[in-house]
Amino acid sequence: MAGSAIGLGLLLLIIPGLVLLTWWAVIVPVIVLERVAAFDSFSRSRELVRGWDFKVFGVIVLEALLLIAVTLILGLVMAPLPDGLQAFVSNILSGSVTGPFSALISTLLYFRLKEARVS
């Protein structure tokens, strides 16, 4: 649901989508670690991010740049392969590398925000 709202926000106007992406950056860790219901996780994520919006957005931008770099490097390494095989192998490798990396960033961000709220 968050992905759909963020996608719609990006499609209509770039800024609302980026705002929602920032506010809801830690929805998954909130659901998993705090055992919060899916709908309640939206407000909990926003509560954690409040006051740290620009820093959280900066982390999201850096993550996106790193993921783009990994994808480009994999594309260059796989360039000698035929197109179909190149796309297949590149998608599997990039998903295997970037998925856990994104989850790690989101989880670490959650713990930092939660720690900041306690302090």
N, C-alpha and C. Protein backbone atom coordinates (compact mmCIF):
# COMPACT_ATOMS: atom_id res chain seq x y z
N MET A 1 0.82 -1.17 0.00
CA MET A 1 0.00 0.00 0.00
C MET A 1 0.88 1.25 0.00
N ALA A 2 1.96 1.22 0.78
CA ALA A 2 2.87 2.37 0.82
C ALA A 2 3.49 2.58 -0.55
N GLY A 3 3.90 1.49 -1.20
CA GLY A 3 4.49 1.59 -2.53
C GLY A 3 3.55 2.19 -3.54
N SER A 4 2.28 1.83 -3.47
CA SER A 4 1.28 2.39 -4.38
C SER A 4 1.08 3.89 -4.14
N ALA A 5 1.00 4.29 -2.88
CA ALA A 5 0.81 5.70 -2.56
C ALA A 5 2.04 6.52 -2.96
N ILE A 6 3.22 5.98 -2.70
CA ILE A 6 4.45 6.67 -3.08
C ILE A 6 4.55 6.77 -4.60
N GLY A 7 4.25 5.67 -5.31
CA GLY A 7 4.27 5.68 -6.77
C GLY A 7 3.29 6.68 -7.35
N LEU A 8 2.09 6.75 -6.79
CA LEU A 8 1.09 7.71 -7.26
C LEU A 8 1.56 9.14 -6.99
N GLY A 9 2.16 9.35 -5.83
CA GLY A 9 2.70 10.67 -5.51
C GLY A 9 3.81 11.07 -6.45
N LEU A 10 4.66 10.12 -6.83
CA LEU A 10 5.74 10.41 -7.76
C LEU A 10 5.20 10.65 -9.16
N LEU A 11 4.15 9.93 -9.51
CA LEU A 11 3.57 10.07 -10.84
C LEU A 11 2.88 11.42 -11.00
N LEU A 12 2.10 11.81 -10.02
CA LEU A 12 1.36 13.07 -10.11
C LEU A 12 2.28 14.28 -9.97
N LEU A 13 3.01 14.29 -8.93
CA LEU A 13 3.97 15.36 -8.66
C LEU A 13 5.15 14.71 -7.94
N ILE A 14 6.32 15.06 -8.27
CA ILE A 14 7.51 14.43 -7.69
C ILE A 14 7.59 14.66 -6.17
N ILE A 15 7.34 15.85 -5.74
CA ILE A 15 7.54 16.21 -4.33
C ILE A 15 6.69 15.38 -3.36
N PRO A 16 5.36 15.22 -3.60
CA PRO A 16 4.58 14.41 -2.65
C PRO A 16 5.08 12.97 -2.54
N GLY A 17 5.51 12.41 -3.63
CA GLY A 17 6.04 11.05 -3.59
C GLY A 17 7.31 10.96 -2.77
N LEU A 18 8.19 11.94 -2.89
CA LEU A 18 9.42 11.95 -2.11
C LEU A 18 9.15 12.19 -0.63
N VAL A 19 8.15 13.00 -0.35
CA VAL A 19 7.77 13.24 1.05
C VAL A 19 7.24 11.95 1.67
N LEU A 20 6.35 11.27 0.96
CA LEU A 20 5.81 10.01 1.48
C LEU A 20 6.91 8.96 1.62
N LEU A 21 7.82 8.91 0.66
CA LEU A 21 8.94 7.97 0.72
C LEU A 21 9.77 8.22 1.97
N THR A 22 9.96 9.49 2.30
CA THR A 22 10.73 9.84 3.49
C THR A 22 9.97 9.51 4.77
N TRP A 23 8.71 9.91 4.83
CA TRP A 23 7.91 9.66 6.03
C TRP A 23 7.77 8.17 6.32
N TRP A 24 7.64 7.38 5.28
CA TRP A 24 7.38 5.95 5.45
C TRP A 24 8.62 5.10 5.24
N ALA A 25 9.78 5.66 5.47
CA ALA A 25 11.05 4.95 5.22
C ALA A 25 11.25 3.75 6.14
N VAL A 26 10.65 3.74 7.31
CA VAL A 26 10.89 2.66 8.26
C VAL A 26 9.62 1.86 8.58
N ILE A 27 8.72 1.78 7.62
CA ILE A 27 7.48 1.03 7.84
C ILE A 27 7.76 -0.45 8.11
N VAL A 28 8.59 -1.06 7.31
CA VAL A 28 8.85 -2.50 7.46
C VAL A 28 9.50 -2.82 8.80
N PRO A 29 10.57 -2.12 9.21
CA PRO A 29 11.12 -2.41 10.54
C PRO A 29 10.11 -2.18 11.67
N VAL A 30 9.25 -1.18 11.53
CA VAL A 30 8.23 -0.93 12.55
C VAL A 30 7.29 -2.13 12.65
N ILE A 31 6.86 -2.65 11.51
CA ILE A 31 5.95 -3.81 11.52
C ILE A 31 6.63 -5.03 12.13
N VAL A 32 7.86 -5.28 11.72
CA VAL A 32 8.55 -6.49 12.16
C VAL A 32 9.04 -6.38 13.60
N LEU A 33 9.70 -5.30 13.94
CA LEU A 33 10.34 -5.20 15.25
C LEU A 33 9.41 -4.76 16.37
N GLU A 34 8.44 -3.91 16.04
CA GLU A 34 7.51 -3.45 17.08
C GLU A 34 6.19 -4.22 17.04
N ARG A 35 6.04 -5.06 16.04
CA ARG A 35 4.81 -5.85 15.87
C ARG A 35 3.57 -4.96 15.82
N VAL A 36 3.70 -3.88 15.07
CA VAL A 36 2.62 -2.92 14.88
C VAL A 36 1.80 -3.36 13.67
N ALA A 37 0.50 -3.17 13.73
CA ALA A 37 -0.37 -3.51 12.60
C ALA A 37 0.03 -2.67 11.38
N ALA A 38 -0.27 -3.19 10.21
CA ALA A 38 0.16 -2.55 8.95
C ALA A 38 -0.31 -1.10 8.86
N PHE A 39 -1.57 -0.84 9.14
CA PHE A 39 -2.08 0.53 9.01
C PHE A 39 -1.49 1.45 10.08
N ASP A 40 -1.24 0.94 11.26
CA ASP A 40 -0.65 1.75 12.33
C ASP A 40 0.82 2.06 12.06
N SER A 41 1.46 1.23 11.26
CA SER A 41 2.89 1.43 10.99
C SER A 41 3.15 2.71 10.20
N PHE A 42 2.19 3.18 9.44
CA PHE A 42 2.35 4.43 8.69
C PHE A 42 2.55 5.60 9.65
N SER A 43 1.67 5.70 10.65
CA SER A 43 1.78 6.80 11.59
C SER A 43 3.00 6.64 12.50
N ARG A 44 3.32 5.41 12.85
CA ARG A 44 4.51 5.17 13.70
C ARG A 44 5.79 5.54 12.95
N SER A 45 5.87 5.20 11.67
CA SER A 45 7.03 5.57 10.87
C SER A 45 7.14 7.08 10.78
N ARG A 46 6.03 7.74 10.55
CA ARG A 46 6.03 9.21 10.46
C ARG A 46 6.46 9.82 11.79
N GLU A 47 6.02 9.22 12.88
CA GLU A 47 6.39 9.71 14.21
C GLU A 47 7.90 9.60 14.43
N LEU A 48 8.49 8.49 14.01
CA LEU A 48 9.93 8.30 14.17
C LEU A 48 10.73 9.26 13.30
N VAL A 49 10.25 9.52 12.09
CA VAL A 49 10.99 10.35 11.13
C VAL A 49 10.84 11.84 11.46
N ARG A 50 9.76 12.21 12.11
CA ARG A 50 9.49 13.64 12.38
C ARG A 50 10.71 14.30 13.05
N GLY A 51 11.13 15.41 12.46
CA GLY A 51 12.29 16.14 12.96
C GLY A 51 13.60 15.73 12.31
N TRP A 52 13.60 14.60 11.64
CA TRP A 52 14.80 14.08 10.97
C TRP A 52 14.56 13.92 9.48
N ASP A 53 13.54 14.60 8.96
CA ASP A 53 13.11 14.42 7.58
C ASP A 53 14.24 14.55 6.56
N PHE A 54 15.00 15.62 6.64
CA PHE A 54 16.04 15.85 5.63
C PHE A 54 17.18 14.85 5.75
N LYS A 55 17.51 14.46 6.95
CA LYS A 55 18.56 13.46 7.12
C LYS A 55 18.11 12.10 6.60
N VAL A 56 16.88 11.74 6.88
CA VAL A 56 16.34 10.47 6.37
C VAL A 56 16.29 10.51 4.84
N PHE A 57 15.86 11.63 4.27
CA PHE A 57 15.84 11.77 2.82
C PHE A 57 17.25 11.64 2.25
N GLY A 58 18.23 12.21 2.93
CA GLY A 58 19.62 12.08 2.49
C GLY A 58 20.09 10.64 2.48
N VAL A 59 19.70 9.88 3.49
CA VAL A 59 20.05 8.45 3.53
C VAL A 59 19.40 7.73 2.35
N ILE A 60 18.16 8.06 2.06
CA ILE A 60 17.45 7.43 0.94
C ILE A 60 18.13 7.76 -0.39
N VAL A 61 18.56 9.00 -0.56
CA VAL A 61 19.25 9.40 -1.80
C VAL A 61 20.58 8.66 -1.92
N LEU A 62 21.35 8.59 -0.83
CA LEU A 62 22.62 7.87 -0.86
C LEU A 62 22.42 6.40 -1.17
N GLU A 63 21.39 5.81 -0.59
CA GLU A 63 21.09 4.41 -0.87
C GLU A 63 20.77 4.21 -2.34
N ALA A 64 19.95 5.10 -2.90
CA ALA A 64 19.59 5.00 -4.31
C ALA A 64 20.83 5.13 -5.20
N LEU A 65 21.71 6.05 -4.87
CA LEU A 65 22.93 6.22 -5.66
C LEU A 65 23.82 4.99 -5.60
N LEU A 66 23.94 4.41 -4.41
CA LEU A 66 24.73 3.19 -4.27
C LEU A 66 24.12 2.03 -5.06
N LEU A 67 22.81 1.91 -5.02
CA LEU A 67 22.14 0.84 -5.75
C LEU A 67 22.29 1.03 -7.26
N ILE A 68 22.23 2.26 -7.72
CA ILE A 68 22.45 2.55 -9.15
C ILE A 68 23.88 2.18 -9.53
N ALA A 69 24.84 2.52 -8.67
CA ALA A 69 26.24 2.19 -8.95
C ALA A 69 26.45 0.68 -9.04
N VAL A 70 25.86 -0.07 -8.12
CA VAL A 70 25.98 -1.53 -8.16
C VAL A 70 25.37 -2.08 -9.44
N THR A 71 24.22 -1.57 -9.82
CA THR A 71 23.56 -2.03 -11.05
C THR A 71 24.41 -1.72 -12.27
N LEU A 72 25.00 -0.54 -12.32
CA LEU A 72 25.86 -0.18 -13.46
C LEU A 72 27.12 -1.06 -13.51
N ILE A 73 27.72 -1.29 -12.37
CA ILE A 73 28.91 -2.14 -12.33
C ILE A 73 28.58 -3.56 -12.78
N LEU A 74 27.47 -4.09 -12.30
CA LEU A 74 27.05 -5.43 -12.74
C LEU A 74 26.79 -5.45 -14.24
N GLY A 75 26.20 -4.38 -14.76
CA GLY A 75 25.95 -4.30 -16.20
C GLY A 75 27.24 -4.32 -17.00
N LEU A 76 28.25 -3.62 -16.51
CA LEU A 76 29.54 -3.60 -17.19
C LEU A 76 30.24 -4.96 -17.12
N VAL A 77 30.16 -5.61 -15.97
CA VAL A 77 30.78 -6.92 -15.82
C VAL A 77 30.08 -7.96 -16.70
N MET A 78 28.78 -7.83 -16.84
CA MET A 78 28.00 -8.80 -17.63
C MET A 78 27.93 -8.45 -19.11
N ALA A 79 28.55 -7.36 -19.53
CA ALA A 79 28.45 -6.90 -20.92
C ALA A 79 28.85 -7.96 -21.95
N PRO A 80 29.87 -8.79 -21.70
CA PRO A 80 30.24 -9.77 -22.73
C PRO A 80 29.20 -10.87 -22.97
N LEU A 81 28.28 -11.06 -22.04
CA LEU A 81 27.27 -12.10 -22.19
C LEU A 81 26.22 -11.70 -23.21
N PRO A 82 25.54 -12.68 -23.82
CA PRO A 82 24.42 -12.35 -24.72
C PRO A 82 23.34 -11.58 -23.96
N ASP A 83 22.56 -10.77 -24.66
CA ASP A 83 21.60 -9.86 -24.02
C ASP A 83 20.63 -10.56 -23.07
N GLY A 84 20.02 -11.64 -23.50
CA GLY A 84 19.03 -12.33 -22.66
C GLY A 84 19.67 -12.88 -21.40
N LEU A 85 20.81 -13.52 -21.55
CA LEU A 85 21.51 -14.09 -20.39
C LEU A 85 22.04 -12.97 -19.49
N GLN A 86 22.51 -11.91 -20.11
CA GLN A 86 23.02 -10.75 -19.35
C GLN A 86 21.92 -10.18 -18.45
N ALA A 87 20.76 -9.96 -19.01
CA ALA A 87 19.65 -9.40 -18.23
C ALA A 87 19.25 -10.34 -17.10
N PHE A 88 19.18 -11.64 -17.40
CA PHE A 88 18.78 -12.63 -16.40
C PHE A 88 19.76 -12.67 -15.24
N VAL A 89 21.04 -12.83 -15.54
CA VAL A 89 22.06 -12.94 -14.50
C VAL A 89 22.19 -11.62 -13.73
N SER A 90 22.15 -10.51 -14.43
CA SER A 90 22.27 -9.21 -13.80
C SER A 90 21.11 -8.95 -12.83
N ASN A 91 19.90 -9.31 -13.23
CA ASN A 91 18.74 -9.13 -12.35
C ASN A 91 18.84 -9.99 -11.10
N ILE A 92 19.27 -11.22 -11.26
CA ILE A 92 19.40 -12.11 -10.10
C ILE A 92 20.49 -11.60 -9.16
N LEU A 93 21.65 -11.25 -9.71
CA LEU A 93 22.75 -10.79 -8.87
C LEU A 93 22.42 -9.45 -8.20
N SER A 94 21.86 -8.53 -8.96
CA SER A 94 21.57 -7.22 -8.36
C SER A 94 20.49 -7.34 -7.29
N GLY A 95 19.50 -8.19 -7.51
CA GLY A 95 18.47 -8.41 -6.48
C GLY A 95 19.03 -9.08 -5.25
N SER A 96 19.97 -10.00 -5.45
CA SER A 96 20.59 -10.70 -4.32
C SER A 96 21.48 -9.79 -3.50
N VAL A 97 22.06 -8.80 -4.14
CA VAL A 97 22.95 -7.87 -3.44
C VAL A 97 22.17 -6.69 -2.86
N THR A 98 21.30 -6.11 -3.66
CA THR A 98 20.64 -4.87 -3.25
C THR A 98 19.49 -5.08 -2.27
N GLY A 99 18.80 -6.20 -2.36
CA GLY A 99 17.68 -6.46 -1.44
C GLY A 99 18.10 -6.47 0.02
N PRO A 100 19.07 -7.32 0.38
CA PRO A 100 19.53 -7.31 1.77
C PRO A 100 20.16 -5.99 2.18
N PHE A 101 20.86 -5.34 1.26
CA PHE A 101 21.48 -4.04 1.55
C PHE A 101 20.41 -3.00 1.90
N SER A 102 19.33 -2.96 1.13
CA SER A 102 18.24 -2.03 1.41
C SER A 102 17.56 -2.34 2.74
N ALA A 103 17.38 -3.62 3.02
CA ALA A 103 16.77 -4.01 4.30
C ALA A 103 17.67 -3.61 5.46
N LEU A 104 18.97 -3.77 5.30
CA LEU A 104 19.91 -3.38 6.35
C LEU A 104 19.87 -1.88 6.60
N ILE A 105 19.85 -1.10 5.53
CA ILE A 105 19.79 0.36 5.68
C ILE A 105 18.50 0.77 6.38
N SER A 106 17.39 0.20 5.99
CA SER A 106 16.11 0.54 6.59
C SER A 106 16.10 0.18 8.08
N THR A 107 16.64 -0.97 8.42
CA THR A 107 16.66 -1.40 9.82
C THR A 107 17.58 -0.54 10.66
N LEU A 108 18.78 -0.24 10.14
CA LEU A 108 19.69 0.63 10.87
C LEU A 108 19.11 2.03 11.05
N LEU A 109 18.44 2.51 10.02
CA LEU A 109 17.79 3.81 10.10
C LEU A 109 16.72 3.80 11.19
N TYR A 110 15.95 2.73 11.25
CA TYR A 110 14.93 2.58 12.29
C TYR A 110 15.55 2.66 13.68
N PHE A 111 16.63 1.91 13.91
CA PHE A 111 17.25 1.90 15.24
C PHE A 111 17.82 3.27 15.59
N ARG A 112 18.40 3.96 14.61
CA ARG A 112 18.94 5.31 14.87
C ARG A 112 17.81 6.28 15.21
N LEU A 113 16.71 6.21 14.48
CA LEU A 113 15.58 7.10 14.76
C LEU A 113 14.96 6.80 16.11
N LYS A 114 14.84 5.53 16.42
CA LYS A 114 14.27 5.15 17.71
C LYS A 114 15.16 5.61 18.85
N GLU A 115 16.47 5.47 18.68
CA GLU A 115 17.42 5.94 19.69
C GLU A 115 17.33 7.45 19.85
N ALA A 116 17.17 8.17 18.75
CA ALA A 116 17.06 9.63 18.80
C ALA A 116 15.81 10.06 19.54
N ARG A 117 14.73 9.30 19.43
CA ARG A 117 13.48 9.63 20.11
C ARG A 117 13.60 9.43 21.61
N VAL A 118 14.40 8.46 22.04
CA VAL A 118 14.57 8.18 23.47
C VAL A 118 15.46 9.24 24.11
N SER A 119 16.47 9.69 23.38
CA SER A 119 17.43 10.68 23.93
C SER A 119 16.81 12.00 24.20
